[in-house]
N, C-alpha and C. Protein backbone atom coordinates (compact mmCIF):
# COMPACT_ATOMS: atom_id res chain seq x y z
N UNK A 1 -21.14 -22.64 18.77
CA UNK A 1 -20.10 -21.79 18.68
C UNK A 1 -19.65 -21.38 17.01
N UNK A 2 -19.22 -20.05 16.98
CA UNK A 2 -19.25 -19.09 15.97
C UNK A 2 -18.08 -19.90 15.05
N UNK A 3 -18.42 -19.39 13.67
CA UNK A 3 -17.42 -19.87 12.63
C UNK A 3 -15.93 -19.10 12.91
N UNK A 4 -15.12 -20.27 12.89
CA UNK A 4 -13.83 -19.84 12.74
C UNK A 4 -13.10 -20.12 11.16
N UNK A 5 -11.87 -19.53 10.96
CA UNK A 5 -10.91 -19.87 10.05
C UNK A 5 -9.42 -19.78 10.46
N UNK A 6 -8.56 -20.40 9.32
CA UNK A 6 -7.55 -20.30 9.80
C UNK A 6 -6.44 -18.96 9.39
N UNK A 7 -5.69 -18.74 10.03
CA UNK A 7 -4.93 -17.49 9.92
C UNK A 7 -3.68 -17.72 10.20
N UNK A 8 -2.84 -17.17 9.19
CA UNK A 8 -1.32 -17.40 9.46
C UNK A 8 -0.59 -15.58 9.06
N UNK A 9 0.23 -15.33 10.15
CA UNK A 9 0.99 -14.01 9.58
C UNK A 9 2.25 -14.22 10.02
N UNK A 10 2.98 -13.90 8.89
CA UNK A 10 4.27 -14.27 8.55
C UNK A 10 5.10 -12.93 8.51
N UNK A 11 6.47 -12.59 8.94
CA UNK A 11 7.25 -11.64 8.52
C UNK A 11 8.46 -12.12 8.26
N UNK A 12 9.38 -11.52 7.69
CA UNK A 12 10.80 -12.06 7.25
C UNK A 12 11.54 -12.61 8.23
N UNK A 13 11.18 -12.46 9.57
CA UNK A 13 11.85 -13.45 10.65
C UNK A 13 11.14 -14.74 10.86
N UNK A 14 10.13 -14.52 10.43
CA UNK A 14 9.14 -16.02 10.47
C UNK A 14 7.86 -16.19 11.09
N UNK A 15 7.06 -16.83 11.24
CA UNK A 15 5.92 -17.08 11.72
C UNK A 15 5.56 -16.43 12.96
N UNK A 16 4.78 -15.50 13.12
CA UNK A 16 4.24 -14.60 14.10
C UNK A 16 2.91 -14.83 15.00
N UNK A 17 2.35 -15.73 13.97
CA UNK A 17 0.83 -16.24 14.30
C UNK A 17 0.30 -17.48 13.32
N UNK A 18 -0.25 -18.38 13.98
CA UNK A 18 -0.65 -19.51 13.12
C UNK A 18 -1.93 -20.17 14.00
N UNK A 19 -2.95 -20.39 13.65
CA UNK A 19 -4.06 -20.61 14.63
C UNK A 19 -5.44 -20.11 13.97
N UNK A 20 -6.27 -21.02 14.59
CA UNK A 20 -7.82 -20.75 14.43
C UNK A 20 -8.21 -19.24 15.03
N UNK A 21 -8.78 -18.39 14.19
CA UNK A 21 -9.52 -17.36 14.74
C UNK A 21 -10.85 -17.14 14.67
N UNK A 22 -11.45 -16.15 15.20
CA UNK A 22 -12.90 -15.49 14.77
C UNK A 22 -13.04 -14.64 13.45
N UNK A 23 -11.71 -13.85 13.82
CA UNK A 23 -11.65 -12.63 12.76
C UNK A 23 -10.63 -11.96 13.09
N UNK A 24 -10.16 -11.12 12.03
CA UNK A 24 -9.05 -10.40 11.91
C UNK A 24 -8.91 -8.95 11.37
N UNK A 25 -8.69 -8.17 12.25
CA UNK A 25 -8.88 -6.68 11.65
C UNK A 25 -7.51 -6.00 11.20
N UNK A 26 -7.62 -5.49 10.04
CA UNK A 26 -6.08 -5.07 9.58
C UNK A 26 -6.15 -4.08 8.85
N UNK A 27 -5.21 -3.13 8.84
CA UNK A 27 -4.91 -1.77 8.29
C UNK A 27 -4.84 -1.88 6.79
N UNK A 28 -5.97 -2.05 6.09
CA UNK A 28 -5.60 -2.08 4.79
C UNK A 28 -5.44 -0.43 3.92
N UNK A 29 -4.99 -0.39 2.86
CA UNK A 29 -4.32 0.58 2.21
C UNK A 29 -5.65 1.56 1.99
N UNK A 30 -6.64 1.04 2.00
CA UNK A 30 -7.72 2.12 1.74
C UNK A 30 -8.69 2.29 3.01
N UNK A 31 -8.27 1.60 3.88
CA UNK A 31 -9.03 1.57 5.53
C UNK A 31 -9.00 0.47 6.05
N UNK A 32 -9.27 0.54 7.15
CA UNK A 32 -9.08 -0.78 8.17
C UNK A 32 -10.31 -1.44 7.73
N UNK A 33 -10.21 -2.98 7.75
CA UNK A 33 -11.23 -3.71 7.63
C UNK A 33 -11.21 -5.04 8.30
N UNK A 34 -12.43 -5.95 8.63
CA UNK A 34 -12.13 -7.17 9.09
C UNK A 34 -12.44 -8.47 8.39
N UNK A 35 -11.88 -9.21 8.39
CA UNK A 35 -11.94 -10.47 7.50
C UNK A 35 -12.54 -11.46 8.98
N UNK A 36 -13.81 -12.11 8.36
CA UNK A 36 -14.47 -13.25 9.27
C UNK A 36 -14.39 -14.53 8.27
N UNK A 37 -14.81 -15.49 9.07
CA UNK A 37 -14.82 -16.77 8.39
C UNK A 37 -16.04 -16.60 7.15
N UNK A 38 -15.65 -17.26 6.06
CA UNK A 38 -16.58 -17.46 4.79
C UNK A 38 -16.32 -15.90 4.12
N UNK A 39 -15.47 -15.25 4.29
CA UNK A 39 -15.03 -13.82 3.74
C UNK A 39 -14.87 -14.08 2.15
N UNK A 40 -15.71 -13.55 1.17
CA UNK A 40 -14.97 -13.43 0.02
C UNK A 40 -13.65 -13.72 -0.24
N UNK A 41 -12.80 -14.10 -1.47
CA UNK A 41 -11.64 -13.92 -1.53
C UNK A 41 -11.26 -12.35 -1.79
N UNK A 42 -10.03 -12.06 -1.28
CA UNK A 42 -9.80 -10.83 -0.95
C UNK A 42 -8.14 -10.92 -1.06
N UNK A 43 -7.44 -9.73 -1.60
CA UNK A 43 -5.96 -9.48 -1.57
C UNK A 43 -6.10 -8.20 -1.35
N UNK A 44 -5.32 -7.68 -0.41
CA UNK A 44 -5.21 -6.43 -0.16
C UNK A 44 -3.77 -5.92 0.49
N UNK A 45 -3.50 -4.73 0.03
CA UNK A 45 -2.07 -4.22 0.89
C UNK A 45 -2.47 -3.59 2.20
N UNK A 46 -1.34 -3.45 2.94
CA UNK A 46 -1.57 -3.02 4.36
C UNK A 46 -0.64 -1.89 4.51
N UNK A 47 -1.25 -1.06 5.44
CA UNK A 47 -0.40 0.08 5.83
C UNK A 47 0.05 -0.28 7.21
N UNK A 48 0.72 1.11 7.94
CA UNK A 48 1.48 0.94 9.13
C UNK A 48 -0.09 1.07 9.90
N UNK A 49 -0.27 0.15 10.89
CA UNK A 49 -1.43 0.07 11.78
C UNK A 49 -1.21 -1.14 12.66
N UNK A 50 -2.55 -1.11 13.20
CA UNK A 50 -3.01 -2.04 14.10
C UNK A 50 -3.41 -3.67 13.57
N UNK A 51 -3.10 -4.59 14.02
CA UNK A 51 -3.83 -5.80 13.50
C UNK A 51 -4.58 -6.35 14.75
N UNK A 52 -5.56 -6.39 14.86
CA UNK A 52 -6.52 -7.18 16.03
C UNK A 52 -7.03 -8.78 15.75
N UNK A 53 -6.53 -9.63 16.33
CA UNK A 53 -6.79 -10.85 16.06
C UNK A 53 -8.08 -11.39 17.41
N UNK A 54 -8.97 -11.90 16.90
CA UNK A 54 -10.16 -12.28 17.68
C UNK A 54 -10.29 -13.68 17.57
N UNK A 55 -9.70 -14.44 19.10
CA UNK A 55 -9.65 -15.58 19.31
C UNK A 55 -10.64 -16.54 19.36
N UNK A 56 -11.07 -17.89 19.17
CA UNK A 56 -12.02 -18.59 19.90
C UNK A 56 -12.41 -18.45 21.21
N UNK A 57 -11.18 -18.11 22.31
CA UNK A 57 -11.47 -18.14 23.28
C UNK A 57 -12.15 -16.72 23.76
N UNK A 58 -12.35 -15.74 23.23
CA UNK A 58 -12.96 -14.40 22.85
C UNK A 58 -11.56 -13.69 23.48
N UNK A 59 -10.39 -13.77 23.42
CA UNK A 59 -9.34 -13.00 23.72
C UNK A 59 -8.95 -12.23 22.54
N UNK A 60 -8.42 -10.95 22.71
CA UNK A 60 -7.76 -10.34 21.59
C UNK A 60 -6.43 -10.28 21.36
N UNK A 61 -6.01 -10.30 20.35
CA UNK A 61 -4.19 -10.27 20.45
C UNK A 61 -4.04 -9.11 19.63
N UNK A 62 -3.07 -8.14 19.91
CA UNK A 62 -2.71 -7.16 19.14
C UNK A 62 -1.38 -7.02 18.55
N UNK A 63 -1.39 -6.45 17.62
CA UNK A 63 0.18 -6.77 16.98
C UNK A 63 0.34 -5.14 15.98
N UNK A 64 1.50 -4.89 15.98
CA UNK A 64 1.80 -3.52 15.50
C UNK A 64 2.33 -4.05 13.75
N UNK A 65 1.77 -3.80 12.81
CA UNK A 65 2.29 -3.88 11.50
C UNK A 65 2.78 -2.93 10.68
N UNK A 66 3.86 -3.05 9.93
CA UNK A 66 4.37 -1.64 9.24
C UNK A 66 4.40 -1.91 7.56
N UNK A 67 2.98 -2.68 7.26
CA UNK A 67 2.59 -2.84 6.11
C UNK A 67 2.92 -4.05 5.49
N UNK A 68 2.47 -4.44 4.46
CA UNK A 68 2.38 -5.95 3.99
C UNK A 68 1.21 -6.11 3.28
N UNK A 69 0.99 -7.48 2.80
CA UNK A 69 -0.02 -7.96 2.16
C UNK A 69 -0.91 -8.85 3.04
N UNK A 70 -2.31 -9.13 2.84
CA UNK A 70 -3.02 -9.94 3.10
C UNK A 70 -3.87 -10.63 1.98
N UNK A 71 -4.04 -11.90 2.21
CA UNK A 71 -4.93 -12.47 1.35
C UNK A 71 -5.88 -13.48 2.10
N UNK A 72 -7.04 -13.58 1.62
CA UNK A 72 -8.09 -14.46 2.12
C UNK A 72 -8.57 -15.40 1.32
N UNK A 73 -8.77 -16.68 1.25
CA UNK A 73 -9.15 -17.45 0.19
C UNK A 73 -9.52 -18.68 0.96
N UNK A 74 -10.80 -19.51 0.29
CA UNK A 74 -11.52 -20.74 1.09
C UNK A 74 -10.94 -20.75 2.72
N UNK A 75 -11.40 -19.82 3.33
CA UNK A 75 -11.33 -19.76 5.00
C UNK A 75 -9.64 -19.98 5.32
N UNK A 76 -9.04 -19.17 4.84
CA UNK A 76 -7.63 -19.55 5.06
C UNK A 76 -6.98 -18.22 4.58
N UNK A 77 -6.76 -17.51 5.84
CA UNK A 77 -6.18 -15.93 5.55
C UNK A 77 -4.32 -16.33 5.81
N UNK A 78 -3.84 -15.34 4.59
CA UNK A 78 -2.42 -15.72 4.81
C UNK A 78 -2.06 -13.92 4.90
N UNK A 79 -1.21 -13.49 6.02
CA UNK A 79 -0.97 -11.91 6.01
C UNK A 79 0.90 -11.97 5.75
N UNK A 80 1.40 -11.42 5.13
CA UNK A 80 2.85 -11.17 4.74
C UNK A 80 3.43 -9.97 5.18
N UNK A 81 3.69 -9.50 6.32
CA UNK A 81 4.01 -8.48 7.00
C UNK A 81 5.34 -7.70 6.60
N UNK A 82 5.60 -6.51 6.05
CA UNK A 82 6.89 -6.24 6.39
C UNK A 82 7.77 -6.34 7.40
N UNK A 83 7.12 -6.01 8.73
CA UNK A 83 7.26 -5.78 10.20
C UNK A 83 6.31 -6.16 10.94
N UNK A 84 6.07 -6.83 12.07
CA UNK A 84 4.97 -6.91 12.80
C UNK A 84 5.73 -7.20 14.09
N UNK A 85 5.11 -6.92 15.06
CA UNK A 85 5.31 -7.18 16.49
C UNK A 85 3.88 -7.36 17.41
N UNK A 86 3.98 -8.58 18.43
CA UNK A 86 3.02 -8.58 19.33
C UNK A 86 3.22 -7.60 20.39
N UNK A 87 1.94 -7.02 20.64
CA UNK A 87 1.90 -6.06 21.93
C UNK A 87 2.73 -6.15 22.80
N UNK A 88 2.60 -7.39 23.56
CA UNK A 88 3.37 -7.70 24.56
C UNK A 88 5.00 -7.67 24.43
N UNK A 89 5.33 -7.77 23.08
CA UNK A 89 6.93 -7.87 23.08
C UNK A 89 7.26 -6.52 22.60
N UNK A 90 6.28 -5.54 22.21
CA UNK A 90 7.33 -4.21 22.11
C UNK A 90 7.92 -3.67 23.03
N UNK A 91 9.22 -3.17 22.75
CA UNK A 91 9.88 -2.46 23.83
C UNK A 91 9.25 -0.92 24.01
N UNK A 92 9.21 -0.52 24.94
CA UNK A 92 8.29 0.75 25.04
C UNK A 92 9.46 2.06 25.11
N UNK A 93 10.48 1.53 25.85
CA UNK A 93 11.53 2.30 25.76
C UNK A 93 11.90 2.59 24.46
N UNK A 94 12.43 1.78 23.66
CA UNK A 94 13.23 1.42 22.36
C UNK A 94 12.08 2.21 21.29
N UNK A 95 10.61 2.09 21.54
CA UNK A 95 9.65 3.01 20.67
C UNK A 95 9.57 4.34 21.16
N UNK A 96 10.10 4.76 22.00
CA UNK A 96 9.77 6.04 22.73
C UNK A 96 11.14 7.02 22.08
N UNK A 97 12.21 5.94 22.21
CA UNK A 97 13.46 6.59 21.51
C UNK A 97 13.43 6.99 20.18
N UNK A 98 12.66 5.88 19.13
CA UNK A 98 12.33 5.75 17.87
C UNK A 98 12.00 7.14 17.59
N UNK A 99 10.65 7.51 18.39
CA UNK A 99 9.90 8.38 18.04
C UNK A 99 10.60 9.88 18.38
N UNK A 100 11.30 10.09 19.22
CA UNK A 100 12.31 11.17 19.75
C UNK A 100 13.19 11.46 18.57
N UNK A 101 13.89 10.16 18.10
CA UNK A 101 14.77 10.24 16.77
C UNK A 101 14.11 10.70 15.43
N UNK A 102 12.76 10.39 15.36
CA UNK A 102 12.19 10.63 14.13
C UNK A 102 11.69 12.39 14.16
N UNK A 103 11.31 12.88 15.44
CA UNK A 103 11.11 14.09 15.73
C UNK A 103 12.15 15.05 15.24
N UNK A 104 13.32 14.55 15.90
CA UNK A 104 14.68 15.42 15.44
C UNK A 104 14.88 15.53 14.02
N UNK A 105 14.44 14.45 13.34
CA UNK A 105 15.10 14.06 12.20
C UNK A 105 14.24 15.16 11.28
N UNK A 106 12.87 15.12 11.73
CA UNK A 106 12.15 15.89 10.88
C UNK A 106 12.36 17.52 11.08
N UNK A 107 12.89 17.89 12.23
CA UNK A 107 13.28 19.09 12.32
C UNK A 107 14.42 19.58 11.76
N UNK A 108 15.21 18.61 11.39
CA UNK A 108 16.56 18.85 10.47
C UNK A 108 16.32 19.26 9.30
N UNK A 109 17.27 20.23 8.57
CA UNK A 109 17.11 20.79 7.32
C UNK A 109 17.61 19.70 6.29
N UNK A 110 18.37 19.06 6.90
CA UNK A 110 19.10 18.02 5.77
C UNK A 110 18.32 16.51 6.01
N UNK A 111 17.51 16.38 6.70
CA UNK A 111 16.72 14.77 6.82
C UNK A 111 15.91 14.76 5.35
N UNK A 112 15.80 13.42 5.17
CA UNK A 112 15.00 12.81 4.10
C UNK A 112 13.68 12.82 4.94
N UNK A 113 12.62 13.64 4.46
CA UNK A 113 11.36 13.84 5.11
C UNK A 113 10.37 12.79 5.11
N UNK A 114 10.57 12.24 4.22
CA UNK A 114 9.73 10.84 4.06
C UNK A 114 9.87 10.05 4.99
N UNK A 115 11.22 9.46 4.72
CA UNK A 115 11.89 8.45 5.63
C UNK A 115 11.67 8.86 6.88
N UNK A 116 11.42 10.21 7.71
CA UNK A 116 11.61 10.53 9.03
C UNK A 116 9.91 10.49 9.37
N UNK A 117 9.19 10.62 8.47
CA UNK A 117 7.62 10.72 8.72
C UNK A 117 7.11 9.36 8.74
N UNK A 118 7.78 8.44 8.06
CA UNK A 118 7.69 6.92 8.17
C UNK A 118 8.30 6.47 9.48
N UNK A 119 9.38 6.77 9.68
CA UNK A 119 9.83 6.19 11.06
C UNK A 119 8.92 6.71 12.41
N UNK A 120 8.72 8.00 12.27
CA UNK A 120 7.74 8.57 13.07
C UNK A 120 6.31 7.86 13.17
N UNK A 121 5.77 7.52 11.99
CA UNK A 121 4.61 6.76 11.85
C UNK A 121 4.88 5.54 12.88
N UNK A 122 5.86 4.89 12.58
CA UNK A 122 5.89 3.34 12.72
C UNK A 122 6.04 3.36 14.39
N UNK A 123 6.93 4.46 15.20
CA UNK A 123 7.09 4.65 16.41
C UNK A 123 5.76 4.69 17.03
N UNK A 124 4.71 5.65 16.88
CA UNK A 124 3.90 6.21 17.26
C UNK A 124 2.84 4.92 17.33
N UNK A 125 2.58 4.02 16.14
CA UNK A 125 1.95 2.92 16.26
C UNK A 125 2.36 1.73 16.90
N UNK A 126 3.54 1.68 17.20
CA UNK A 126 3.86 0.94 18.24
C UNK A 126 3.57 1.15 19.78
N UNK A 127 3.61 2.32 19.97
CA UNK A 127 3.11 2.65 21.20
C UNK A 127 1.62 2.66 21.36
N UNK A 128 0.83 3.15 20.33
CA UNK A 128 -0.32 2.88 20.30
C UNK A 128 -0.97 1.39 20.58
N UNK A 129 -0.36 0.53 19.89
CA UNK A 129 -0.47 -0.86 20.12
C UNK A 129 -0.05 -1.24 21.42
N UNK A 130 1.00 -0.63 22.35
CA UNK A 130 0.86 -1.30 23.54
C UNK A 130 0.04 -0.64 24.30
N UNK A 131 -0.57 0.65 24.13
CA UNK A 131 -1.69 1.39 25.02
C UNK A 131 -3.13 0.59 24.96
N UNK A 132 -3.42 -0.01 23.47
CA UNK A 132 -4.68 -0.59 23.22
C UNK A 132 -4.53 -2.03 24.42
N UNK A 133 -3.19 -2.62 24.48
CA UNK A 133 -3.30 -3.59 24.95
C UNK A 133 -3.26 -3.47 26.53
N UNK A 134 -2.73 -2.37 27.04
CA UNK A 134 -3.25 -2.11 28.79
C UNK A 134 -4.46 -1.79 28.53
N UNK A 135 -5.15 -0.99 28.07
CA UNK A 135 -6.58 -0.76 27.93
C UNK A 135 -7.48 -2.10 27.95
N UNK A 136 -7.27 -2.93 27.49
CA UNK A 136 -7.53 -4.48 26.79
C UNK A 136 -7.61 -5.24 28.19
N UNK A 137 -6.31 -4.96 28.94
CA UNK A 137 -6.13 -5.72 30.31
C UNK A 137 -7.07 -5.71 31.53
C-alpha cells in the first residue's frame, strides 16, 4: 500500500475533512501543487480554487476553497480555509445566482470592482468543482 499521511481541513464553521490520505492537491498562491506523504515541511497561502483529496481507497474528493493557508509538517497536513465546500454539498442554483449577481455588479458603474471580481471567481469556482465531480462519477 502507498504511503499515507493525516490531513485535516478546517473552516470557521468546523472540520470539513479529517483522515488519512494519499495526497492533496491545493491551489497555492504561486500555483497549484500536490502534497504527498513525507513532503518537506511547508506553509503556503491558498487562492480561490479546487482541492483534490486522494484517499487510500483510490477515490477523489473535490472541494471548492476560497483562500486560506496550508501547512505540512511531519506527515500531518492542516489546511485552514476562509470558506470551503464539498462538491456534493454545493447548491448549484445558488452558485449560478451568485455568478449572475457578480456579473451584474461588474456592469454597474457604482460597484466595487474588486469585490465583484472576487465574487465572480468564487461562483465560477464552485460551479467548476461540481462539474469535476460529475465528470469523475
